[in-house]
Amino acid sequence: MISKKNNMIRNSFTFLATIILFFDGYGQKKELVDLVNKKPNIIFIYADDLGYGDLGIYDAQGIKTPNIDKLAIGGIKFTDAYATSATCTPSRYGLLTGSYPWRNAKAKILPGTAPLLIDTLQMTIPKMLRANGYDTGIVGKWHLGLGTGNVDWNKHISPGPNEVGFDYSFIMAATQDRVPTVYIRNGNVVGLDPKDPIEVSYKTNFDGEPTALSNPEMLKMKWHHGHNQSIVNGIPRIGFMKGGASAKWVDEDMADTFLEEAKNYISSHKKAPFFLYYALQQPHVPRTPSPRFVGASGLGPRGDVIVEADWCVGQLMEELEAQGLLENTLIVLSSDNGPVLNDGYYDVAVEKLGNHKPAGLLRGGKYSLFDGGTRVPFITYWDGTIQAGVSDAVVCQVDLLASLAKLVGSNETNYGDSENLLNELVGNSKVGRKSLVLEANSKTLIRQGDWIMIPPYKGASKINTEVNIEMGADDDYQLYNTKEDISQKNNLAKKFPKKLKELRDSFEKIRGVDYGNVSELKLQ
């Protein structure tokens, strides 16, 4: 249980605060001056493809998430919060670097063999925190590239998370549906037998290796689009892989594996301020819940892995309480982008959806320029420090770098696109951002005040039929008042030409005028 304590006695020599981003907690409001330089522990809990309507506290229909709901009830539930992008690699780049991903032309959905996307000289959240006395760790999904583009998976892999600020890393290289299907600890593949070396390619298969096309009888999960190359644990993947049998993960054990790593990190770093980036793999495909959670939601594997992720959050909170860290921890929980149902496998996510709406009232979803692509759940929790409530302040994950820097008293002055919204994150303000440029598959839009403007992308596909999601592109300008029209049904571009010009001018000032030079999304 999360304790409720309104009266707190803090000794400046023993105070250790833990920030777990994406959750907001119980307690009395603290003046910002009282929080700065406290050096709390910090935890980001980052879900993968979790939609605005996928949590009970965000009015989910048919899925129960009591542990995450408890955090939101005891902390701050943000209703107008954004990832920087509608897809995972760019949004993770924006989160960690404080830089809009559209500024980096390489910030697109990466294959498992891509080189490290973040420059090792670039400022990052873990790098900033480490410079201010923190131990830093990442557990879970990385998907920001490794090495220099020609990785030998049988040797130490560098550069990676450890070279951009993380003291400890236990990751998967890309996504659960991409090879290599192995865990990597501090740059070394876990459990690798040197007599069975790993080979990985995203171009050609290896002689004699089965694929979903050549050996469909080996599959326990059927592919819908793109996922028809190497088979691991009966699941067809993106990319080709040979060898490494002893190192390959068991998909159904992945949530437990990452959870134990996260708990161990907390228990072994409880005596000093730490930052933990806990990057869940759920509910990204392939959805492979532990047998304990099969059927838990009634909505098929997608619903089951959301229930599993909620359980993981509950277990993490219990670990914090057992270690006496709950009141000293700031938790932030969010998602890297909006939801998708069929994202490459037949797993009855569509057939068993029922009344559940993964994006809630929002239009679009993952990959989309509409709000369903980037507007996500966002909760902050800090037991005894953050007062419970709901905030409609516009906040973005790109702002975590500058906000945390303020919290820990960093002397760094250049945070790129990141803005200091610490007052908003701890519940002292609801002002939020004035404007925000968001990205979906290299296409961009602007949110300014209550208004959203999507510029024209002539000839772009309006619907991606493979995933059945509206992409949000159109031949003409689109203008929506999101406060009055959260579902973006009414295009007001012609009705309010002055407002359109205002947002267009603001957009082009930030983004430039060459925003239309982009390519169509190609799903693998």
Protein backbone atom coordinates (compact mmCIF):
# COMPACT_ATOMS: atom_id res chain seq x y z
CA MET A 1 0.00 0.00 0.00
CA ILE A 2 1.07 3.59 -0.64
CA SER A 3 1.20 5.45 2.66
CA LYS A 4 -0.44 8.86 3.16
CA LYS A 5 1.63 11.15 5.35
CA ASN A 6 0.91 14.82 5.54
CA ASN A 7 3.47 15.70 8.22
CA MET A 8 7.04 15.07 7.23
CA ILE A 9 10.27 15.56 9.12
CA ARG A 10 13.20 15.79 6.80
CA ASN A 11 16.81 15.86 7.92
CA SER A 12 18.91 17.46 5.19
CA PHE A 13 21.66 14.89 5.65
CA THR A 14 19.45 11.86 5.30
CA PHE A 15 16.76 13.06 2.94
CA LEU A 16 16.67 10.93 -0.17
CA ALA A 17 13.89 11.63 -2.60
CA THR A 18 13.01 9.28 -5.37
CA ILE A 19 11.32 10.60 -8.45
CA ILE A 20 9.50 8.06 -10.49
CA LEU A 21 8.35 9.99 -13.53
CA PHE A 22 4.91 9.34 -14.91
CA PHE A 23 3.29 9.06 -11.44
CA ASP A 24 2.28 11.78 -8.96
CA GLY A 25 1.78 11.06 -5.27
CA TYR A 26 0.02 11.82 -2.05
CA GLY A 27 1.08 14.57 0.33
CA GLN A 28 1.12 18.30 0.82
CA LYS A 29 2.27 20.72 -1.85
CA LYS A 30 5.88 21.81 -1.41
CA GLU A 31 7.26 25.15 -2.47
CA LEU A 32 9.75 24.78 -5.28
CA VAL A 33 12.53 26.33 -3.23
CA ASP A 34 12.13 23.50 -0.72
CA LEU A 35 12.58 20.84 -3.43
CA VAL A 36 15.57 22.14 -5.34
CA ASN A 37 18.91 20.47 -4.50
CA LYS A 38 17.24 17.65 -2.52
CA LYS A 39 18.77 15.07 -4.86
CA PRO A 40 15.84 12.62 -4.86
CA ASN A 41 15.98 9.20 -6.47
CA ILE A 42 14.31 9.32 -9.88
CA ILE A 43 12.47 6.58 -11.76
CA PHE A 44 10.95 6.82 -15.25
CA ILE A 45 8.43 4.08 -15.98
CA TYR A 46 7.99 4.07 -19.73
CA ALA A 47 5.33 1.88 -21.35
CA ASP A 48 5.51 0.88 -25.01
CA ASP A 49 2.47 1.69 -27.23
CA LEU A 50 0.16 2.31 -24.25
CA GLY A 51 -2.76 4.47 -25.33
CA TYR A 52 -4.48 7.45 -23.73
CA GLY A 53 -7.50 5.26 -22.99
CA ASP A 54 -5.69 2.09 -21.88
CA LEU A 55 -5.64 2.82 -18.12
CA GLY A 56 -8.51 2.66 -15.67
CA ILE A 57 -7.73 6.14 -14.37
CA TYR A 58 -8.06 7.41 -17.96
CA ASP A 59 -11.53 5.82 -18.28
CA ALA A 60 -10.45 2.54 -19.85
CA GLN A 61 -13.32 0.22 -20.71
CA GLY A 62 -12.68 -3.42 -19.93
CA ILE A 63 -9.10 -3.24 -18.63
CA LYS A 64 -8.35 -2.87 -14.93
CA THR A 65 -5.08 -1.26 -13.86
CA PRO A 66 -5.39 -0.82 -10.07
CA ASN A 67 -1.69 -0.27 -9.33
CA ILE A 68 -1.16 2.47 -11.88
CA ASP A 69 -4.52 3.98 -10.92
CA LYS A 70 -3.36 4.10 -7.31
CA LEU A 71 -0.35 6.14 -8.32
CA ALA A 72 -2.51 8.57 -10.28
CA ILE A 73 -5.02 8.88 -7.45
CA GLY A 74 -2.20 9.61 -5.03
CA GLY A 75 -0.30 11.82 -7.44
CA ILE A 76 -0.99 14.02 -10.45
CA LYS A 77 -2.85 12.74 -13.46
CA PHE A 78 -2.02 14.87 -16.50
CA THR A 79 -4.73 15.07 -19.15
CA ASP A 80 -2.78 17.06 -21.76
CA ALA A 81 0.65 15.44 -21.87
CA TYR A 82 2.68 14.45 -24.91
CA ALA A 83 5.46 12.22 -26.13
CA THR A 84 7.59 13.97 -28.74
CA SER A 85 6.73 11.48 -31.48
CA ALA A 86 4.11 8.98 -32.58
CA THR A 87 6.72 6.22 -32.84
CA CYS A 88 9.15 4.71 -30.37
CA THR A 89 12.73 5.50 -31.41
CA PRO A 90 12.11 9.24 -31.93
CA SER A 91 10.11 9.60 -28.71
CA ARG A 92 12.84 7.87 -26.66
CA TYR A 93 15.42 10.13 -28.26
CA GLY A 94 13.39 13.22 -27.31
CA LEU A 95 12.83 11.96 -23.77
CA LEU A 96 16.49 11.32 -22.98
CA THR A 97 18.10 14.20 -24.86
CA GLY A 98 15.63 17.06 -24.40
CA SER A 99 15.78 17.63 -28.14
CA TYR A 100 12.96 17.42 -30.68
CA PRO A 101 13.56 14.20 -32.65
CA TRP A 102 12.69 15.86 -35.96
CA ARG A 103 15.94 17.83 -35.62
CA ASN A 104 17.82 14.56 -36.13
CA ALA A 105 17.15 13.10 -39.58
CA LYS A 106 18.24 9.65 -38.36
CA ALA A 107 15.67 9.58 -35.54
CA LYS A 108 13.31 7.09 -37.16
CA ILE A 109 12.19 3.56 -36.28
CA LEU A 110 15.55 1.78 -36.14
CA PRO A 111 16.46 -1.81 -37.04
CA GLY A 112 18.29 -3.86 -34.44
CA THR A 113 21.61 -3.30 -36.23
CA ALA A 114 21.44 0.52 -36.32
CA PRO A 115 24.35 2.54 -34.88
CA LEU A 116 23.90 4.55 -31.69
CA LEU A 117 21.54 7.44 -32.42
CA ILE A 118 22.56 9.67 -29.51
CA ASP A 119 25.92 11.39 -29.94
CA THR A 120 28.20 10.50 -27.03
CA LEU A 121 28.94 14.23 -26.57
CA GLN A 122 25.22 15.08 -26.39
CA MET A 123 23.55 16.07 -23.12
CA THR A 124 21.19 13.44 -21.73
CA ILE A 125 19.15 13.02 -18.57
CA PRO A 126 21.42 10.30 -17.11
CA LYS A 127 24.53 12.27 -18.02
CA MET A 128 23.18 15.40 -16.30
CA LEU A 129 22.14 13.46 -13.22
CA ARG A 130 25.41 11.57 -12.98
CA ALA A 131 27.23 14.90 -12.98
CA ASN A 132 25.09 15.82 -9.97
CA GLY A 133 25.88 12.80 -7.82
CA TYR A 134 23.50 10.15 -9.15
CA ASP A 135 23.97 6.50 -9.96
CA THR A 136 22.14 5.87 -13.22
CA GLY A 137 20.58 2.71 -14.64
CA ILE A 138 18.40 1.52 -17.49
CA VAL A 139 16.38 -1.69 -17.51
CA GLY A 140 14.25 -2.72 -20.48
CA LYS A 141 13.78 -1.57 -24.04
CA TRP A 142 16.52 0.59 -25.61
CA HIS A 143 15.85 0.95 -29.38
CA LEU A 144 18.26 3.84 -29.84
CA GLY A 145 20.96 1.97 -31.71
CA LEU A 146 24.23 0.35 -30.61
CA GLY A 147 27.79 0.55 -31.76
CA THR A 148 28.91 2.27 -34.93
CA GLY A 149 26.87 0.32 -37.45
CA ASN A 150 28.84 -2.92 -37.69
CA VAL A 151 28.31 -4.67 -34.35
CA ASP A 152 30.02 -7.93 -33.47
CA TRP A 153 27.47 -9.31 -30.99
CA ASN A 154 30.04 -11.77 -29.65
CA LYS A 155 32.30 -9.04 -28.26
CA HIS A 156 31.78 -6.02 -26.03
CA ILE A 157 29.27 -3.72 -27.75
CA SER A 158 30.09 -0.02 -27.65
CA PRO A 159 29.01 2.74 -27.73
CA GLY A 160 25.59 2.22 -26.14
CA PRO A 161 23.65 3.25 -23.02
CA ASN A 162 26.80 3.23 -20.87
CA GLU A 163 28.44 5.80 -23.15
CA VAL A 164 25.54 8.29 -22.96
CA GLY A 165 25.24 8.45 -19.19
CA PHE A 166 24.06 5.13 -17.77
CA ASP A 167 26.32 3.46 -15.20
CA TYR A 168 24.34 0.23 -15.50
CA SER A 169 22.32 -1.15 -18.39
CA PHE A 170 20.28 -4.29 -18.90
CA ILE A 171 18.47 -3.97 -22.20
CA MET A 172 17.17 -5.49 -25.36
CA ALA A 173 18.77 -3.84 -28.37
CA ALA A 174 15.65 -2.80 -30.25
CA THR A 175 12.14 -4.22 -29.88
CA GLN A 176 10.70 -7.58 -28.90
CA ASP A 177 9.75 -8.29 -32.51
CA ARG A 178 13.24 -7.55 -33.89
CA VAL A 179 16.47 -9.52 -33.79
CA PRO A 180 18.78 -9.94 -31.98
CA THR A 181 16.52 -11.58 -29.40
CA VAL A 182 19.00 -11.43 -26.53
CA TYR A 183 19.56 -9.40 -23.37
CA ILE A 184 22.61 -7.16 -23.16
CA ARG A 185 24.16 -6.21 -19.80
CA ASN A 186 26.64 -3.34 -19.83
CA GLY A 187 27.51 -3.99 -23.46
CA ASN A 188 27.79 -7.79 -23.29
CA VAL A 189 25.24 -10.36 -24.47
CA VAL A 190 23.95 -12.30 -21.47
CA GLY A 191 24.45 -16.09 -21.48
CA LEU A 192 26.29 -16.26 -24.80
CA ASP A 193 28.19 -19.46 -25.62
CA PRO A 194 31.32 -18.47 -27.59
CA LYS A 195 31.07 -21.77 -29.45
CA ASP A 196 27.70 -20.67 -30.84
CA PRO A 197 28.34 -17.10 -32.07
CA ILE A 198 25.54 -14.73 -33.00
CA GLU A 199 25.12 -13.39 -36.52
CA VAL A 200 22.51 -10.75 -37.38
CA SER A 201 21.42 -9.25 -40.69
CA TYR A 202 18.52 -7.09 -41.84
CA LYS A 203 19.29 -7.74 -45.51
CA THR A 204 19.77 -11.44 -46.19
CA ASN A 205 19.08 -14.70 -44.39
CA PHE A 206 21.77 -17.15 -43.35
CA ASP A 207 22.04 -20.47 -45.19
CA GLY A 208 19.74 -23.11 -43.78
CA GLU A 209 18.03 -20.85 -41.24
CA PRO A 210 14.22 -21.21 -41.16
CA THR A 211 11.91 -18.23 -41.68
CA ALA A 212 8.19 -17.69 -41.36
CA LEU A 213 7.90 -17.96 -45.13
CA SER A 214 9.90 -21.16 -45.55
CA ASN A 215 8.75 -22.95 -42.38
CA PRO A 216 5.30 -21.76 -41.32
CA GLU A 217 4.73 -25.04 -39.47
CA MET A 218 7.21 -23.85 -36.81
CA LEU A 219 5.09 -20.84 -35.81
CA LYS A 220 3.05 -20.49 -32.64
CA MET A 221 2.08 -16.93 -33.60
CA LYS A 222 0.95 -15.98 -37.11
CA TRP A 223 2.32 -12.87 -38.79
CA HIS A 224 0.06 -10.33 -40.48
CA HIS A 225 2.54 -8.01 -42.15
CA GLY A 226 6.29 -7.59 -42.09
CA HIS A 227 7.13 -10.11 -39.38
CA ASN A 228 8.05 -13.05 -41.58
CA GLN A 229 11.79 -13.49 -41.22
CA SER A 230 13.72 -15.41 -38.53
CA ILE A 231 11.75 -17.56 -36.08
CA VAL A 232 12.64 -17.42 -32.39
CA ASN A 233 10.58 -19.31 -29.79
CA GLY A 234 7.96 -19.99 -32.47
CA ILE A 235 7.50 -16.26 -33.14
CA PRO A 236 8.42 -14.74 -36.51
CA ARG A 237 10.58 -11.61 -36.26
CA ILE A 238 11.85 -8.67 -38.25
CA GLY A 239 15.41 -9.41 -39.39
CA PHE A 240 17.56 -12.51 -39.65
CA MET A 241 19.53 -14.14 -36.86
CA LYS A 242 21.76 -17.19 -36.53
CA GLY A 243 23.34 -18.76 -33.45
CA GLY A 244 23.24 -17.60 -29.84
CA ALA A 245 20.82 -20.34 -28.74
CA SER A 246 21.79 -20.18 -25.06
CA ALA A 247 21.40 -16.40 -24.99
CA LYS A 248 17.98 -16.10 -26.61
CA TRP A 249 15.25 -14.79 -24.35
CA VAL A 250 11.98 -16.56 -23.57
CA ASP A 251 9.31 -14.05 -24.51
CA GLU A 252 6.84 -15.09 -21.84
CA ASP A 253 9.49 -14.48 -19.16
CA MET A 254 10.49 -11.00 -20.34
CA ALA A 255 8.29 -8.97 -17.98
CA ASP A 256 9.52 -10.94 -14.97
CA THR A 257 13.13 -10.66 -16.12
CA PHE A 258 13.03 -6.88 -16.47
CA LEU A 259 11.10 -6.50 -13.20
CA GLU A 260 13.69 -8.48 -11.21
CA GLU A 261 16.49 -6.42 -12.73
CA ALA A 262 14.69 -3.20 -11.78
CA LYS A 263 14.06 -4.39 -8.21
CA ASN A 264 17.67 -5.51 -7.84
CA TYR A 265 18.86 -2.14 -9.06
CA ILE A 266 16.73 -0.35 -6.49
CA SER A 267 17.82 -2.57 -3.58
CA SER A 268 21.50 -2.29 -4.47
CA HIS A 269 21.45 1.51 -4.83
CA LYS A 270 19.24 2.49 -1.92
CA LYS A 271 22.02 4.27 0.00
CA ALA A 272 22.71 6.88 -2.67
CA PRO A 273 20.53 8.92 -5.04
CA PHE A 274 19.79 6.96 -8.17
CA PHE A 275 18.03 7.38 -11.49
CA LEU A 276 16.31 4.32 -12.96
CA TYR A 277 14.86 4.32 -16.47
CA TYR A 278 12.49 1.33 -16.38
CA ALA A 279 11.42 0.83 -20.00
CA LEU A 280 8.61 -1.73 -20.16
CA GLN A 281 8.12 -3.75 -23.33
CA GLN A 282 4.32 -3.93 -22.97
CA PRO A 283 1.96 -3.68 -24.84
CA HIS A 284 4.20 -3.68 -27.95
CA VAL A 285 4.05 -6.73 -30.22
CA PRO A 286 4.56 -9.62 -29.96
CA ARG A 287 2.26 -9.67 -26.96
CA THR A 288 3.45 -12.61 -24.88
CA PRO A 289 2.11 -12.47 -21.32
CA SER A 290 3.38 -14.82 -18.68
CA PRO A 291 1.05 -17.84 -18.33
CA ARG A 292 -0.07 -16.25 -15.03
CA PHE A 293 -1.75 -13.44 -16.99
CA VAL A 294 -3.16 -15.29 -19.98
CA GLY A 295 -6.88 -14.48 -20.07
CA ALA A 296 -6.58 -11.88 -17.29
CA SER A 297 -8.23 -9.12 -19.30
CA GLY A 298 -10.71 -10.91 -21.52
CA LEU A 299 -9.42 -8.76 -24.39
CA GLY A 300 -6.79 -11.13 -25.68
CA PRO A 301 -2.99 -10.86 -25.36
CA ARG A 302 -2.92 -7.06 -25.74
CA GLY A 303 -5.19 -6.57 -22.76
CA ASP A 304 -3.37 -9.30 -20.82
CA VAL A 305 0.05 -7.65 -21.16
CA ILE A 306 -1.40 -4.33 -19.97
CA VAL A 307 -2.65 -6.13 -16.87
CA GLU A 308 0.80 -7.71 -16.54
CA ALA A 309 2.50 -4.31 -16.83
CA ASP A 310 0.22 -2.94 -14.13
CA TRP A 311 1.23 -5.82 -11.87
CA CYS A 312 4.89 -5.04 -12.54
CA VAL A 313 4.32 -1.45 -11.44
CA GLY A 314 2.68 -2.68 -8.26
CA GLN A 315 5.63 -4.97 -7.55
CA LEU A 316 8.05 -2.12 -8.10
CA MET A 317 6.14 0.06 -5.65
CA GLU A 318 6.19 -2.71 -3.07
CA GLU A 319 9.96 -2.94 -3.48
CA LEU A 320 10.33 0.79 -2.88
CA GLU A 321 8.23 0.55 0.26
CA ALA A 322 10.15 -2.51 1.51
CA GLN A 323 13.42 -0.63 1.05
CA GLY A 324 12.07 2.43 2.87
CA LEU A 325 12.35 4.58 -0.27
CA LEU A 326 8.74 5.31 -1.09
CA GLU A 327 8.63 8.78 0.43
CA ASN A 328 11.96 9.63 -1.15
CA THR A 329 11.01 8.75 -4.69
CA LEU A 330 9.57 10.73 -7.56
CA ILE A 331 7.87 8.50 -10.12
CA VAL A 332 6.86 9.46 -13.63
CA LEU A 333 4.87 6.99 -15.69
CA SER A 334 4.05 7.52 -19.35
CA SER A 335 4.08 5.93 -22.79
CA ASP A 336 6.33 6.41 -25.81
CA ASN A 337 3.42 6.92 -28.24
CA GLY A 338 -0.21 6.10 -28.84
CA PRO A 339 -1.84 2.68 -29.26
CA VAL A 340 -2.07 0.24 -32.13
CA LEU A 341 -4.03 -3.00 -32.33
CA ASN A 342 -2.80 -5.06 -35.29
CA ASP A 343 0.88 -4.14 -35.52
CA GLY A 344 2.16 -7.15 -37.41
CA TYR A 345 0.65 -10.27 -35.82
CA TYR A 346 -2.72 -11.95 -35.69
CA ASP A 347 -3.39 -11.88 -31.93
CA VAL A 348 -7.16 -11.13 -31.77
CA ALA A 349 -6.51 -7.59 -30.48
CA VAL A 350 -9.11 -6.33 -32.97
CA GLU A 351 -11.57 -9.18 -32.58
CA LYS A 352 -11.66 -9.02 -28.76
CA LEU A 353 -11.63 -5.24 -28.41
CA GLY A 354 -15.28 -4.99 -27.35
CA ASN A 355 -16.13 -1.52 -25.98
CA HIS A 356 -12.53 -0.70 -25.11
CA LYS A 357 -11.05 2.34 -26.86
CA PRO A 358 -7.25 2.29 -26.56
CA ALA A 359 -6.94 5.95 -27.58
CA GLY A 360 -9.95 7.02 -25.56
CA LEU A 361 -11.70 9.96 -27.23
CA LEU A 362 -8.61 10.85 -29.25
CA ARG A 363 -8.44 10.47 -33.02
CA GLY A 364 -5.71 8.33 -34.58
CA GLY A 365 -3.13 6.23 -32.78
CA LYS A 366 0.48 5.12 -33.15
CA TYR A 367 2.06 6.56 -36.33
CA SER A 368 -0.58 9.31 -36.55
CA LEU A 369 -0.37 13.11 -36.67
CA PHE A 370 -3.68 13.23 -34.84
CA ASP A 371 -3.56 13.49 -31.05
CA GLY A 372 -3.95 9.73 -30.62
CA GLY A 373 -0.36 9.41 -31.84
CA THR A 374 1.42 11.55 -29.26
CA ARG A 375 -0.99 12.47 -26.46
CA VAL A 376 -0.37 9.85 -23.80
CA PRO A 377 -0.98 8.97 -20.15
CA PHE A 378 1.36 10.89 -17.87
CA ILE A 379 1.44 10.56 -14.09
CA THR A 380 3.80 11.99 -11.49
CA TYR A 381 3.96 10.56 -7.97
CA TRP A 382 6.04 11.54 -4.93
CA ASP A 383 4.66 10.24 -1.66
CA GLY A 384 4.37 12.97 0.95
CA THR A 385 5.54 15.70 -1.42
CA ILE A 386 3.17 15.98 -4.38
CA GLN A 387 -0.42 16.79 -3.61
CA ALA A 388 -2.95 14.56 -5.35
CA GLY A 389 -4.82 16.13 -8.21
CA VAL A 390 -5.53 16.39 -11.92
CA SER A 391 -3.70 18.82 -14.20
CA ASP A 392 -4.62 20.06 -17.67
CA ALA A 393 -1.24 21.77 -18.13
CA VAL A 394 0.36 21.01 -21.49
CA VAL A 395 3.56 19.10 -20.68
CA CYS A 396 5.90 17.04 -22.81
CA GLN A 397 8.47 14.35 -22.17
CA VAL A 398 11.11 16.53 -23.87
CA ASP A 399 10.86 18.83 -20.82
CA LEU A 400 12.01 16.26 -18.29
CA LEU A 401 15.69 17.09 -18.83
CA ALA A 402 15.40 20.78 -17.93
CA SER A 403 12.86 20.12 -15.18
CA LEU A 404 15.00 17.53 -13.42
CA ALA A 405 18.07 19.69 -13.85
CA LYS A 406 16.24 22.40 -11.90
CA LEU A 407 15.27 19.89 -9.25
CA VAL A 408 18.81 18.71 -8.59
CA GLY A 409 20.43 22.14 -8.90
CA SER A 410 22.40 21.42 -12.07
CA ASN A 411 24.71 24.18 -13.31
CA GLU A 412 24.15 23.21 -16.94
CA THR A 413 22.45 25.99 -18.92
CA ASN A 414 21.76 24.55 -22.38
CA TYR A 415 18.92 22.05 -22.55
CA GLY A 416 17.98 22.38 -26.20
CA ASP A 417 14.21 22.20 -26.69
CA SER A 418 13.60 21.16 -23.09
CA GLU A 419 11.75 23.65 -20.87
CA ASN A 420 11.75 23.77 -17.08
CA LEU A 421 8.27 22.60 -16.06
CA LEU A 422 9.18 21.41 -12.56
CA ASN A 423 6.41 23.50 -11.02
CA GLU A 424 3.90 21.73 -13.26
CA LEU A 425 5.31 18.27 -12.55
CA VAL A 426 5.03 18.69 -8.78
CA GLY A 427 1.60 20.34 -8.94
CA ASN A 428 2.51 23.95 -8.12
CA SER A 429 1.41 25.30 -11.51
CA LYS A 430 -0.95 24.51 -14.36
CA VAL A 431 0.52 26.97 -16.86
CA GLY A 432 2.39 24.43 -18.97
CA ARG A 433 3.96 24.87 -22.37
CA LYS A 434 2.82 27.63 -24.74
CA SER A 435 3.71 25.73 -27.90
CA LEU A 436 4.99 22.32 -28.92
CA VAL A 437 6.09 20.88 -32.26
CA LEU A 438 5.29 17.17 -32.49
CA GLU A 439 6.37 14.51 -34.96
CA ALA A 440 4.92 11.45 -36.67
CA ASN A 441 7.06 9.63 -39.24
CA SER A 442 9.06 12.77 -40.08
CA LYS A 443 5.89 14.82 -40.53
CA THR A 444 5.32 17.57 -37.96
CA LEU A 445 2.54 19.70 -36.47
CA ILE A 446 2.16 22.36 -33.81
CA ARG A 447 0.16 22.49 -30.59
CA GLN A 448 -0.22 26.08 -29.33
CA GLY A 449 -2.58 26.91 -26.51
CA ASP A 450 -5.79 24.97 -27.11
CA TRP A 451 -5.15 24.81 -30.86
CA ILE A 452 -3.55 22.22 -33.11
CA MET A 453 -2.43 22.97 -36.66
CA ILE A 454 -1.42 20.21 -39.07
CA PRO A 455 0.16 21.58 -42.25
CA PRO A 456 -0.63 20.02 -45.63
CA TYR A 457 1.22 16.93 -46.83
CA LYS A 458 0.04 16.60 -50.40
CA GLY A 459 -0.31 13.08 -51.69
CA ALA A 460 0.37 11.46 -48.32
CA SER A 461 -1.67 8.43 -47.32
CA LYS A 462 -4.62 9.30 -45.10
CA ILE A 463 -4.99 5.79 -43.69
CA ASN A 464 -2.43 3.07 -43.15
CA THR A 465 -4.47 0.04 -44.10
CA GLU A 466 -2.05 -2.47 -42.56
CA VAL A 467 -2.64 -1.14 -39.03
CA ASN A 468 -5.99 0.56 -39.84
CA ILE A 469 -5.03 3.93 -38.34
CA GLU A 470 -5.76 7.42 -39.67
CA MET A 471 -2.38 9.00 -40.36
CA GLY A 472 -3.61 12.58 -40.01
CA ALA A 473 -2.12 13.85 -43.26
CA ASP A 474 -4.18 15.86 -45.73
CA ASP A 475 -3.72 18.00 -48.82
CA ASP A 476 -4.96 21.10 -46.98
CA TYR A 477 -4.29 22.79 -43.65
CA GLN A 478 -6.09 21.39 -40.60
CA LEU A 479 -6.95 23.46 -37.52
CA TYR A 480 -8.57 22.03 -34.40
CA ASN A 481 -9.56 23.44 -31.02
CA THR A 482 -8.64 20.50 -28.81
CA LYS A 483 -10.37 21.93 -25.74
CA GLU A 484 -13.74 22.04 -27.47
CA ASP A 485 -13.11 19.19 -29.90
CA ILE A 486 -10.85 16.59 -28.27
CA SER A 487 -11.66 14.07 -31.03
CA GLN A 488 -10.55 16.49 -33.77
CA LYS A 489 -13.71 16.10 -35.81
CA ASN A 490 -14.13 19.72 -36.91
CA ASN A 491 -11.47 21.27 -39.13
CA LEU A 492 -11.70 25.02 -38.46
CA ALA A 493 -8.98 26.15 -40.88
CA LYS A 494 -11.38 27.98 -43.18
CA LYS A 495 -13.50 29.37 -40.37
CA PHE A 496 -10.60 30.95 -38.47
CA PRO A 497 -8.02 32.11 -41.03
CA LYS A 498 -6.33 34.52 -38.58
CA LYS A 499 -5.82 31.75 -36.03
CA LEU A 500 -4.52 29.49 -38.79
CA LYS A 501 -1.99 32.12 -39.86
CA GLU A 502 -0.92 32.63 -36.24
CA LEU A 503 -0.15 28.94 -35.79
CA ARG A 504 1.37 28.64 -39.24
CA ASP A 505 3.76 31.50 -38.51
CA SER A 506 4.70 30.02 -35.13
CA PHE A 507 5.21 26.59 -36.69
CA GLU A 508 7.44 27.83 -39.50
CA LYS A 509 9.47 29.94 -37.09
CA ILE A 510 10.37 26.80 -35.14
CA ARG A 511 10.26 24.14 -37.83
CA GLY A 512 11.26 26.07 -40.96
CA VAL A 513 9.51 26.04 -44.33
CA ASP A 514 10.88 22.74 -45.67
CA TYR A 515 8.69 20.58 -43.46
CA GLY A 516 6.97 18.94 -46.42
CA ASN A 517 10.06 17.14 -47.69
CA VAL A 518 9.35 13.79 -46.02
CA SER A 519 8.85 10.19 -47.09
CA GLU A 520 5.96 7.82 -46.50
CA LEU A 521 6.06 5.41 -43.58
CA LYS A 522 6.94 1.85 -44.58
CA LEU A 523 6.10 -0.76 -41.98
CA GLN A 524 8.41 -3.75 -41.86
